[in-house]
Amino acid sequence: MYIVIWRYRVDPAQQAKFVKAYGAKGDWFRFFSGSKDYLGTELLADDERPGEYVTVDRWASEEAYSTYLSEHEADYDRLDRRCEALTLSEQRIGAYGPA
């Protein structure tokens, strides 16, 4: 399994839209679901810092993730630009595979 984790600070006025876009069955889920190797995404809210979230994207392998992104780069960029308005900041925490 290969996992990619992102952290977001969300504009309070955009939280409902953010959760809809990044949550289960949201825009990102639908985009990544084009791959049979996509295993799902979890959206987690920070209990101590309102408006902060992380996403945990699960893939069958690093190769599957990289291949899907390279084959769908233009669509990824369009969705990413559209979702930028929902956040105050985003940071890729890291990508993790088997040790």
PDB file of N, CA and C in Angstrom:
ATOM      1  N   MET A   1       0.846  -1.178   0.000  1.00  0.00           N
ATOM      2  CA  MET A   1       0.000   0.000   0.000  1.00  0.00           C
ATOM      3  C   MET A   1       0.889   1.237   0.000  1.00  0.00           C
ATOM      4  N   TYR A   2       0.390   2.286  -0.626  1.00  0.00           N
ATOM      5  CA  TYR A   2       1.080   3.564  -0.700  1.00  0.00           C
ATOM      6  C   TYR A   2       0.098   4.627  -0.229  1.00  0.00           C
ATOM      7  N   ILE A   3       0.546   5.510   0.673  1.00  0.00           N
ATOM      8  CA  ILE A   3      -0.337   6.499   1.294  1.00  0.00           C
ATOM      9  C   ILE A   3       0.234   7.902   1.070  1.00  0.00           C
ATOM     10  N   VAL A   4      -0.632   8.829   0.672  1.00  0.00           N
ATOM     11  CA  VAL A   4      -0.252  10.235   0.497  1.00  0.00           C
ATOM     12  C   VAL A   4      -1.099  11.061   1.458  1.00  0.00           C
ATOM     13  N   ILE A   5      -0.428  11.914   2.248  1.00  0.00           N
ATOM     14  CA  ILE A   5      -1.125  12.702   3.271  1.00  0.00           C
ATOM     15  C   ILE A   5      -0.932  14.196   2.994  1.00  0.00           C
ATOM     16  N   TRP A   6      -2.058  14.920   3.029  1.00  0.00           N
ATOM     17  CA  TRP A   6      -2.069  16.373   2.856  1.00  0.00           C
ATOM     18  C   TRP A   6      -2.702  17.022   4.075  1.00  0.00           C
ATOM     19  N   ARG A   7      -2.230  18.215   4.440  1.00  0.00           N
ATOM     20  CA  ARG A   7      -2.825  19.018   5.514  1.00  0.00           C
ATOM     21  C   ARG A   7      -3.383  20.304   4.904  1.00  0.00           C
ATOM     22  N   TYR A   8      -4.570  20.694   5.394  1.00  0.00           N
ATOM     23  CA  TYR A   8      -5.252  21.885   4.885  1.00  0.00           C
ATOM     24  C   TYR A   8      -5.714  22.775   6.029  1.00  0.00           C
ATOM     25  N   ARG A   9      -5.593  24.079   5.820  1.00  0.00           N
ATOM     26  CA  ARG A   9      -6.294  25.068   6.645  1.00  0.00           C
ATOM     27  C   ARG A   9      -7.399  25.612   5.759  1.00  0.00           C
ATOM     28  N   VAL A  10      -8.621  25.558   6.260  1.00  0.00           N
ATOM     29  CA  VAL A  10      -9.780  25.854   5.425  1.00  0.00           C
ATOM     30  C   VAL A  10     -10.398  27.188   5.819  1.00  0.00           C
ATOM     31  N   ASP A  11     -10.745  27.966   4.811  1.00  0.00           N
ATOM     32  CA  ASP A  11     -11.475  29.207   4.995  1.00  0.00           C
ATOM     33  C   ASP A  11     -12.805  28.864   5.678  1.00  0.00           C
ATOM     34  N   PRO A  12     -13.086  29.448   6.852  1.00  0.00           N
ATOM     35  CA  PRO A  12     -14.329  29.106   7.564  1.00  0.00           C
ATOM     36  C   PRO A  12     -15.584  29.230   6.703  1.00  0.00           C
ATOM     37  N   ALA A  13     -15.602  30.183   5.809  1.00  0.00           N
ATOM     38  CA  ALA A  13     -16.765  30.377   4.944  1.00  0.00           C
ATOM     39  C   ALA A  13     -16.890  29.269   3.893  1.00  0.00           C
ATOM     40  N   GLN A  14     -15.842  28.483   3.733  1.00  0.00           N
ATOM     41  CA  GLN A  14     -15.818  27.454   2.688  1.00  0.00           C
ATOM     42  C   GLN A  14     -15.821  26.028   3.240  1.00  0.00           C
ATOM     43  N   GLN A  15     -15.972  25.876   4.565  1.00  0.00           N
ATOM     44  CA  GLN A  15     -15.837  24.544   5.158  1.00  0.00           C
ATOM     45  C   GLN A  15     -16.810  23.522   4.586  1.00  0.00           C
ATOM     46  N   ALA A  16     -18.061  23.861   4.413  1.00  0.00           N
ATOM     47  CA  ALA A  16     -19.037  22.897   3.882  1.00  0.00           C
ATOM     48  C   ALA A  16     -18.645  22.461   2.468  1.00  0.00           C
ATOM     49  N   LYS A  17     -18.221  23.403   1.642  1.00  0.00           N
ATOM     50  CA  LYS A  17     -17.793  23.071   0.284  1.00  0.00           C
ATOM     51  C   LYS A  17     -16.520  22.227   0.302  1.00  0.00           C
ATOM     52  N   PHE A  18     -15.611  22.565   1.214  1.00  0.00           N
ATOM     53  CA  PHE A  18     -14.378  21.792   1.335  1.00  0.00           C
ATOM     54  C   PHE A  18     -14.687  20.337   1.692  1.00  0.00           C
ATOM     55  N   VAL A  19     -15.502  20.142   2.712  1.00  0.00           N
ATOM     56  CA  VAL A  19     -15.848  18.781   3.150  1.00  0.00           C
ATOM     57  C   VAL A  19     -16.531  18.017   2.014  1.00  0.00           C
ATOM     58  N   LYS A  20     -17.374  18.688   1.279  1.00  0.00           N
ATOM     59  CA  LYS A  20     -18.057  18.042   0.158  1.00  0.00           C
ATOM     60  C   LYS A  20     -17.051  17.636  -0.929  1.00  0.00           C
ATOM     61  N   ALA A  21     -16.087  18.496  -1.224  1.00  0.00           N
ATOM     62  CA  ALA A  21     -15.109  18.219  -2.286  1.00  0.00           C
ATOM     63  C   ALA A  21     -14.083  17.162  -1.878  1.00  0.00           C
ATOM     64  N   TYR A  22     -13.654  17.185  -0.614  1.00  0.00           N
ATOM     65  CA  TYR A  22     -12.561  16.322  -0.175  1.00  0.00           C
ATOM     66  C   TYR A  22     -13.025  15.084   0.597  1.00  0.00           C
ATOM     67  N   GLY A  23     -14.275  15.028   0.965  1.00  0.00           N
ATOM     68  CA  GLY A  23     -14.776  13.918   1.764  1.00  0.00           C
ATOM     69  C   GLY A  23     -15.100  12.682   0.935  1.00  0.00           C
ATOM     70  N   ALA A  24     -15.618  11.676   1.620  1.00  0.00           N
ATOM     71  CA  ALA A  24     -16.001  10.418   0.977  1.00  0.00           C
ATOM     72  C   ALA A  24     -16.995  10.706  -0.141  1.00  0.00           C
ATOM     73  N   LYS A  25     -16.710  10.225  -1.302  1.00  0.00           N
ATOM     74  CA  LYS A  25     -17.561  10.394  -2.496  1.00  0.00           C
ATOM     75  C   LYS A  25     -17.524  11.802  -3.073  1.00  0.00           C
ATOM     76  N   GLY A  26     -16.589  12.640  -2.615  1.00  0.00           N
ATOM     77  CA  GLY A  26     -16.463  14.005  -3.124  1.00  0.00           C
ATOM     78  C   GLY A  26     -15.725  14.067  -4.461  1.00  0.00           C
ATOM     79  N   ASP A  27     -15.404  15.289  -4.868  1.00  0.00           N
ATOM     80  CA  ASP A  27     -14.763  15.515  -6.168  1.00  0.00           C
ATOM     81  C   ASP A  27     -13.448  14.762  -6.311  1.00  0.00           C
ATOM     82  N   TRP A  28     -12.625  14.793  -5.274  1.00  0.00           N
ATOM     83  CA  TRP A  28     -11.332  14.104  -5.354  1.00  0.00           C
ATOM     84  C   TRP A  28     -11.522  12.597  -5.386  1.00  0.00           C
ATOM     85  N   PHE A  29     -12.452  12.091  -4.610  1.00  0.00           N
ATOM     86  CA  PHE A  29     -12.752  10.658  -4.640  1.00  0.00           C
ATOM     87  C   PHE A  29     -13.169  10.245  -6.052  1.00  0.00           C
ATOM     88  N   ARG A  30     -14.061  10.999  -6.646  1.00  0.00           N
ATOM     89  CA  ARG A  30     -14.529  10.663  -7.996  1.00  0.00           C
ATOM     90  C   ARG A  30     -13.386  10.724  -9.010  1.00  0.00           C
ATOM     91  N   PHE A  31     -12.519  11.725  -8.868  1.00  0.00           N
ATOM     92  CA  PHE A  31     -11.378  11.837  -9.785  1.00  0.00           C
ATOM     93  C   PHE A  31     -10.470  10.617  -9.660  1.00  0.00           C
ATOM     94  N   PHE A  32     -10.057  10.293  -8.447  1.00  0.00           N
ATOM     95  CA  PHE A  32      -9.133   9.179  -8.254  1.00  0.00           C
ATOM     96  C   PHE A  32      -9.779   7.822  -8.528  1.00  0.00           C
ATOM     97  N   SER A  33     -11.081   7.742  -8.418  1.00  0.00           N
ATOM     98  CA  SER A  33     -11.780   6.474  -8.642  1.00  0.00           C
ATOM     99  C   SER A  33     -11.670   5.981 -10.077  1.00  0.00           C
ATOM    100  N   GLY A  34     -11.123   6.791 -10.952  1.00  0.00           N
ATOM    101  CA  GLY A  34     -10.853   6.346 -12.313  1.00  0.00           C
ATOM    102  C   GLY A  34      -9.780   5.276 -12.373  1.00  0.00           C
ATOM    103  N   SER A  35      -9.086   5.063 -11.266  1.00  0.00           N
ATOM    104  CA  SER A  35      -8.044   4.035 -11.199  1.00  0.00           C
ATOM    105  C   SER A  35      -8.520   2.856 -10.360  1.00  0.00           C
ATOM    106  N   LYS A  36      -8.309   1.654 -10.870  1.00  0.00           N
ATOM    107  CA  LYS A  36      -8.641   0.447 -10.097  1.00  0.00           C
ATOM    108  C   LYS A  36      -7.694   0.285  -8.909  1.00  0.00           C
ATOM    109  N   ASP A  37      -6.587   1.009  -8.926  1.00  0.00           N
ATOM    110  CA  ASP A  37      -5.583   0.910  -7.861  1.00  0.00           C
ATOM    111  C   ASP A  37      -5.781   1.927  -6.743  1.00  0.00           C
ATOM    112  N   TYR A  38      -6.770   2.788  -6.876  1.00  0.00           N
ATOM    113  CA  TYR A  38      -7.113   3.745  -5.827  1.00  0.00           C
ATOM    114  C   TYR A  38      -7.944   3.016  -4.780  1.00  0.00           C
ATOM    115  N   LEU A  39      -7.510   3.110  -3.527  1.00  0.00           N
ATOM    116  CA  LEU A  39      -8.150   2.358  -2.450  1.00  0.00           C
ATOM    117  C   LEU A  39      -8.993   3.221  -1.522  1.00  0.00           C
ATOM    118  N   GLY A  40      -9.053   4.527  -1.780  1.00  0.00           N
ATOM    119  CA  GLY A  40      -9.912   5.393  -0.988  1.00  0.00           C
ATOM    120  C   GLY A  40      -9.180   6.528  -0.309  1.00  0.00           C
ATOM    121  N   THR A  41      -9.973   7.454   0.219  1.00  0.00           N
ATOM    122  CA  THR A  41      -9.467   8.639   0.919  1.00  0.00           C
ATOM    123  C   THR A  41     -10.231   8.806   2.219  1.00  0.00           C
ATOM    124  N   GLU A  42      -9.510   9.181   3.247  1.00  0.00           N
ATOM    125  CA  GLU A  42     -10.141   9.577   4.513  1.00  0.00           C
ATOM    126  C   GLU A  42      -9.917  11.065   4.697  1.00  0.00           C
ATOM    127  N   LEU A  43     -10.948  11.769   5.094  1.00  0.00           N
ATOM    128  CA  LEU A  43     -10.852  13.178   5.469  1.00  0.00           C
ATOM    129  C   LEU A  43     -10.996  13.234   6.981  1.00  0.00           C
ATOM    130  N   LEU A  44      -9.984  13.782   7.640  1.00  0.00           N
ATOM    131  CA  LEU A  44      -9.966  13.852   9.102  1.00  0.00           C
ATOM    132  C   LEU A  44      -9.903  15.303   9.547  1.00  0.00           C
ATOM    133  N   ALA A  45     -10.746  15.669  10.514  1.00  0.00           N
ATOM    134  CA  ALA A  45     -10.775  17.028  11.069  1.00  0.00           C
ATOM    135  C   ALA A  45      -9.959  17.056  12.355  1.00  0.00           C
ATOM    136  N   ASP A  46      -9.193  18.114  12.549  1.00  0.00           N
ATOM    137  CA  ASP A  46      -8.392  18.279  13.761  1.00  0.00           C
ATOM    138  C   ASP A  46      -9.305  18.675  14.918  1.00  0.00           C
ATOM    139  N   ASP A  47      -9.264  17.927  15.997  1.00  0.00           N
ATOM    140  CA  ASP A  47     -10.098  18.204  17.177  1.00  0.00           C
ATOM    141  C   ASP A  47      -9.686  19.474  17.911  1.00  0.00           C
ATOM    142  N   GLU A  48      -8.410  19.846  17.805  1.00  0.00           N
ATOM    143  CA  GLU A  48      -7.889  20.971  18.585  1.00  0.00           C
ATOM    144  C   GLU A  48      -7.752  22.258  17.791  1.00  0.00           C
ATOM    145  N   ARG A  49      -7.770  22.169  16.468  1.00  0.00           N
ATOM    146  CA  ARG A  49      -7.616  23.348  15.623  1.00  0.00           C
ATOM    147  C   ARG A  49      -8.754  23.371  14.600  1.00  0.00           C
ATOM    148  N   PRO A  50      -9.834  24.066  14.928  1.00  0.00           N
ATOM    149  CA  PRO A  50     -10.961  24.135  13.994  1.00  0.00           C
ATOM    150  C   PRO A  50     -10.505  24.658  12.628  1.00  0.00           C
ATOM    151  N   GLY A  51     -11.026  24.050  11.599  1.00  0.00           N
ATOM    152  CA  GLY A  51     -10.678  24.479  10.249  1.00  0.00           C
ATOM    153  C   GLY A  51      -9.444  23.801   9.690  1.00  0.00           C
ATOM    154  N   GLU A  52      -8.829  22.896  10.457  1.00  0.00           N
ATOM    155  CA  GLU A  52      -7.675  22.154   9.951  1.00  0.00           C
ATOM    156  C   GLU A  52      -8.081  20.713   9.697  1.00  0.00           C
ATOM    157  N   TYR A  53      -7.622  20.205   8.564  1.00  0.00           N
ATOM    158  CA  TYR A  53      -7.970  18.860   8.110  1.00  0.00           C
ATOM    159  C   TYR A  53      -6.739  18.177   7.536  1.00  0.00           C
ATOM    160  N   VAL A  54      -6.777  16.854   7.483  1.00  0.00           N
ATOM    161  CA  VAL A  54      -5.825  16.083   6.698  1.00  0.00           C
ATOM    162  C   VAL A  54      -6.608  15.111   5.832  1.00  0.00           C
ATOM    163  N   THR A  55      -6.031  14.820   4.676  1.00  0.00           N
ATOM    164  CA  THR A  55      -6.551  13.744   3.845  1.00  0.00           C
ATOM    165  C   THR A  55      -5.499  12.647   3.796  1.00  0.00           C
ATOM    166  N   VAL A  56      -5.971  11.421   3.784  1.00  0.00           N
ATOM    167  CA  VAL A  56      -5.115  10.245   3.668  1.00  0.00           C
ATOM    168  C   VAL A  56      -5.601   9.477   2.444  1.00  0.00           C
ATOM    169  N   ASP A  57      -4.817   9.547   1.374  1.00  0.00           N
ATOM    170  CA  ASP A  57      -5.160   8.858   0.129  1.00  0.00           C
ATOM    171  C   ASP A  57      -4.420   7.528   0.094  1.00  0.00           C
ATOM    172  N   ARG A  58      -5.141   6.455  -0.186  1.00  0.00           N
ATOM    173  CA  ARG A  58      -4.550   5.118  -0.213  1.00  0.00           C
ATOM    174  C   ARG A  58      -4.537   4.571  -1.645  1.00  0.00           C
ATOM    175  N   TRP A  59      -3.394   4.046  -2.009  1.00  0.00           N
ATOM    176  CA  TRP A  59      -3.180   3.478  -3.337  1.00  0.00           C
ATOM    177  C   TRP A  59      -2.561   2.096  -3.202  1.00  0.00           C
ATOM    178  N   ALA A  60      -2.717   1.277  -4.232  1.00  0.00           N
ATOM    179  CA  ALA A  60      -2.139  -0.063  -4.216  1.00  0.00           C
ATOM    180  C   ALA A  60      -0.612  -0.014  -4.211  1.00  0.00           C
ATOM    181  N   SER A  61      -0.051   1.010  -4.884  1.00  0.00           N
ATOM    182  CA  SER A  61       1.413   1.119  -4.962  1.00  0.00           C
ATOM    183  C   SER A  61       1.800   2.542  -5.361  1.00  0.00           C
ATOM    184  N   GLU A  62       3.057   2.868  -5.142  1.00  0.00           N
ATOM    185  CA  GLU A  62       3.573   4.165  -5.577  1.00  0.00           C
ATOM    186  C   GLU A  62       3.499   4.274  -7.095  1.00  0.00           C
ATOM    187  N   GLU A  63       3.810   3.199  -7.777  1.00  0.00           N
ATOM    188  CA  GLU A  63       3.770   3.198  -9.238  1.00  0.00           C
ATOM    189  C   GLU A  63       2.357   3.488  -9.751  1.00  0.00           C
ATOM    190  N   ALA A  64       1.354   2.884  -9.139  1.00  0.00           N
ATOM    191  CA  ALA A  64      -0.036   3.126  -9.553  1.00  0.00           C
ATOM    192  C   ALA A  64      -0.403   4.591  -9.373  1.00  0.00           C
ATOM    193  N   TYR A  65      -0.023   5.165  -8.241  1.00  0.00           N
ATOM    194  CA  TYR A  65      -0.305   6.578  -7.958  1.00  0.00           C
ATOM    195  C   TYR A  65       0.379   7.474  -8.989  1.00  0.00           C
ATOM    196  N   SER A  66       1.662   7.269  -9.193  1.00  0.00           N
ATOM    197  CA  SER A  66       2.439   8.109 -10.116  1.00  0.00           C
ATOM    198  C   SER A  66       1.926   7.981 -11.546  1.00  0.00           C
ATOM    199  N   THR A  67       1.610   6.780 -11.947  1.00  0.00           N
ATOM    200  CA  THR A  67       1.109   6.556 -13.305  1.00  0.00           C
ATOM    201  C   THR A  67      -0.222   7.259 -13.513  1.00  0.00           C
ATOM    202  N   TYR A  68      -1.119   7.123 -12.554  1.00  0.00           N
ATOM    203  CA  TYR A  68      -2.429   7.762 -12.691  1.00  0.00           C
ATOM    204  C   TYR A  68      -2.281   9.281 -12.774  1.00  0.00           C
ATOM    205  N   LEU A  69      -1.449   9.851 -11.911  1.00  0.00           N
ATOM    206  CA  LEU A  69      -1.271  11.312 -11.956  1.00  0.00           C
ATOM    207  C   LEU A  69      -0.670  11.766 -13.273  1.00  0.00           C
ATOM    208  N   SER A  70       0.312  11.058 -13.779  1.00  0.00           N
ATOM    209  CA  SER A  70       0.938  11.485 -15.034  1.00  0.00           C
ATOM    210  C   SER A  70      -0.026  11.344 -16.212  1.00  0.00           C
ATOM    211  N   GLU A  71      -0.900  10.331 -16.180  1.00  0.00           N
ATOM    212  CA  GLU A  71      -1.857  10.137 -17.269  1.00  0.00           C
ATOM    213  C   GLU A  71      -3.034  11.110 -17.204  1.00  0.00           C
ATOM    214  N   HIS A  72      -3.271  11.720 -16.041  1.00  0.00           N
ATOM    215  CA  HIS A  72      -4.423  12.614 -15.859  1.00  0.00           C
ATOM    216  C   HIS A  72      -4.007  13.986 -15.311  1.00  0.00           C
ATOM    217  N   GLU A  73      -2.829  14.409 -15.685  1.00  0.00           N
ATOM    218  CA  GLU A  73      -2.254  15.645 -15.145  1.00  0.00           C
ATOM    219  C   GLU A  73      -3.135  16.869 -15.393  1.00  0.00           C
ATOM    220  N   ALA A  74      -3.657  17.022 -16.587  1.00  0.00           N
ATOM    221  CA  ALA A  74      -4.476  18.205 -16.900  1.00  0.00           C
ATOM    222  C   ALA A  74      -5.751  18.223 -16.060  1.00  0.00           C
ATOM    223  N   ASP A  75      -6.406  17.072 -15.906  1.00  0.00           N
ATOM    224  CA  ASP A  75      -7.619  16.999 -15.085  1.00  0.00           C
ATOM    225  C   ASP A  75      -7.307  17.266 -13.617  1.00  0.00           C
ATOM    226  N   TYR A  76      -6.184  16.731 -13.151  1.00  0.00           N
ATOM    227  CA  TYR A  76      -5.756  16.972 -11.767  1.00  0.00           C
ATOM    228  C   TYR A  76      -5.550  18.467 -11.545  1.00  0.00           C
ATOM    229  N   ASP A  77      -4.834  19.107 -12.458  1.00  0.00           N
ATOM    230  CA  ASP A  77      -4.552  20.543 -12.322  1.00  0.00           C
ATOM    231  C   ASP A  77      -5.827  21.376 -12.319  1.00  0.00           C
ATOM    232  N   ARG A  78      -6.790  21.025 -13.167  1.00  0.00           N
ATOM    233  CA  ARG A  78      -8.059  21.761 -13.201  1.00  0.00           C
ATOM    234  C   ARG A  78      -8.805  21.633 -11.879  1.00  0.00           C
ATOM    235  N   LEU A  79      -8.890  20.411 -11.358  1.00  0.00           N
ATOM    236  CA  LEU A  79      -9.589  20.197 -10.091  1.00  0.00           C
ATOM    237  C   LEU A  79      -8.855  20.888  -8.947  1.00  0.00           C
ATOM    238  N   ASP A  80      -7.547  20.814  -8.962  1.00  0.00           N
ATOM    239  CA  ASP A  80      -6.749  21.453  -7.911  1.00  0.00           C
ATOM    240  C   ASP A  80      -6.957  22.968  -7.918  1.00  0.00           C
ATOM    241  N   ARG A  81      -6.942  23.581  -9.085  1.00  0.00           N
ATOM    242  CA  ARG A  81      -7.166  25.035  -9.185  1.00  0.00           C
ATOM    243  C   ARG A  81      -8.557  25.410  -8.683  1.00  0.00           C
ATOM    244  N   ARG A  82      -9.547  24.607  -9.044  1.00  0.00           N
ATOM    245  CA  ARG A  82     -10.921  24.885  -8.598  1.00  0.00           C
ATOM    246  C   ARG A  82     -11.044  24.802  -7.074  1.00  0.00           C
ATOM    247  N   CYS A  83     -10.335  23.875  -6.459  1.00  0.00           N
ATOM    248  CA  CYS A  83     -10.432  23.678  -5.011  1.00  0.00           C
ATOM    249  C   CYS A  83      -9.547  24.629  -4.198  1.00  0.00           C
ATOM    250  N   GLU A  84      -8.619  25.300  -4.851  1.00  0.00           N
ATOM    251  CA  GLU A  84      -7.743  26.247  -4.139  1.00  0.00           C
ATOM    252  C   GLU A  84      -8.535  27.319  -3.408  1.00  0.00           C
ATOM    253  N   ALA A  85      -9.653  27.732  -3.946  1.00  0.00           N
ATOM    254  CA  ALA A  85     -10.461  28.792  -3.340  1.00  0.00           C
ATOM    255  C   ALA A  85     -11.067  28.363  -2.004  1.00  0.00           C
ATOM    256  N   LEU A  86     -11.063  27.073  -1.718  1.00  0.00           N
ATOM    257  CA  LEU A  86     -11.659  26.570  -0.489  1.00  0.00           C
ATOM    258  C   LEU A  86     -10.703  26.591   0.698  1.00  0.00           C
ATOM    259  N   THR A  87      -9.415  26.743   0.423  1.00  0.00           N
ATOM    260  CA  THR A  87      -8.414  26.619   1.488  1.00  0.00           C
ATOM    261  C   THR A  87      -7.602  27.890   1.669  1.00  0.00           C
ATOM    262  N   LEU A  88      -7.101  28.053   2.880  1.00  0.00           N
ATOM    263  CA  LEU A  88      -6.163  29.133   3.176  1.00  0.00           C
ATOM    264  C   LEU A  88      -4.739  28.668   2.926  1.00  0.00           C
ATOM    265  N   SER A  89      -4.501  27.363   3.140  1.00  0.00           N
ATOM    266  CA  SER A  89      -3.194  26.777   2.849  1.00  0.00           C
ATOM    267  C   SER A  89      -3.334  25.275   2.689  1.00  0.00           C
ATOM    268  N   GLU A  90      -2.389  24.712   1.980  1.00  0.00           N
ATOM    269  CA  GLU A  90      -2.315  23.260   1.863  1.00  0.00           C
ATOM    270  C   GLU A  90      -0.851  22.868   1.865  1.00  0.00           C
ATOM    271  N   GLN A  91      -0.575  21.716   2.463  1.00  0.00           N
ATOM    272  CA  GLN A  91       0.804  21.255   2.575  1.00  0.00           C
ATOM    273  C   GLN A  91       0.811  19.740   2.415  1.00  0.00           C
ATOM    274  N   ARG A  92       1.655  19.274   1.538  1.00  0.00           N
ATOM    275  CA  ARG A  92       1.819  17.823   1.407  1.00  0.00           C
ATOM    276  C   ARG A  92       2.706  17.363   2.560  1.00  0.00           C
ATOM    277  N   ILE A  93       2.140  16.547   3.438  1.00  0.00           N
ATOM    278  CA  ILE A  93       2.886  16.041   4.598  1.00  0.00           C
ATOM    279  C   ILE A  93       3.911  15.019   4.150  1.00  0.00           C
ATOM    280  N   GLY A  94       3.484  14.121   3.266  1.00  0.00           N
ATOM    281  CA  GLY A  94       4.412  13.117   2.764  1.00  0.00           C
ATOM    282  C   GLY A  94       3.689  11.988   2.076  1.00  0.00           C
ATOM    283  N   ALA A  95       4.483  11.076   1.557  1.00  0.00           N
ATOM    284  CA  ALA A  95       3.984   9.873   0.895  1.00  0.00           C
ATOM    285  C   ALA A  95       4.735   8.709   1.507  1.00  0.00           C
ATOM    286  N   TYR A  96       3.997   7.655   1.836  1.00  0.00           N
ATOM    287  CA  TYR A  96       4.566   6.568   2.625  1.00  0.00           C
ATOM    288  C   TYR A  96       4.240   5.214   2.017  1.00  0.00           C
ATOM    289  N   GLY A  97       5.235   4.371   1.991  1.00  0.00           N
ATOM    290  CA  GLY A  97       5.060   3.012   1.506  1.00  0.00           C
ATOM    291  C   GLY A  97       5.604   2.041   2.540  1.00  0.00           C
ATOM    292  N   PRO A  98       5.605   0.770   2.190  1.00  0.00           N
ATOM    293  CA  PRO A  98       6.092  -0.249   3.124  1.00  0.00           C
ATOM    294  C   PRO A  98       7.547  -0.019   3.509  1.00  0.00           C
ATOM    295  N   ALA A  99       7.844  -0.308   4.749  1.00  0.00           N
ATOM    296  CA  ALA A  99       9.231  -0.159   5.229  1.00  0.00           C
ATOM    297  C   ALA A  99      10.006  -1.418   4.943  1.00  0.00           C
TER     298      ALA A  99
END
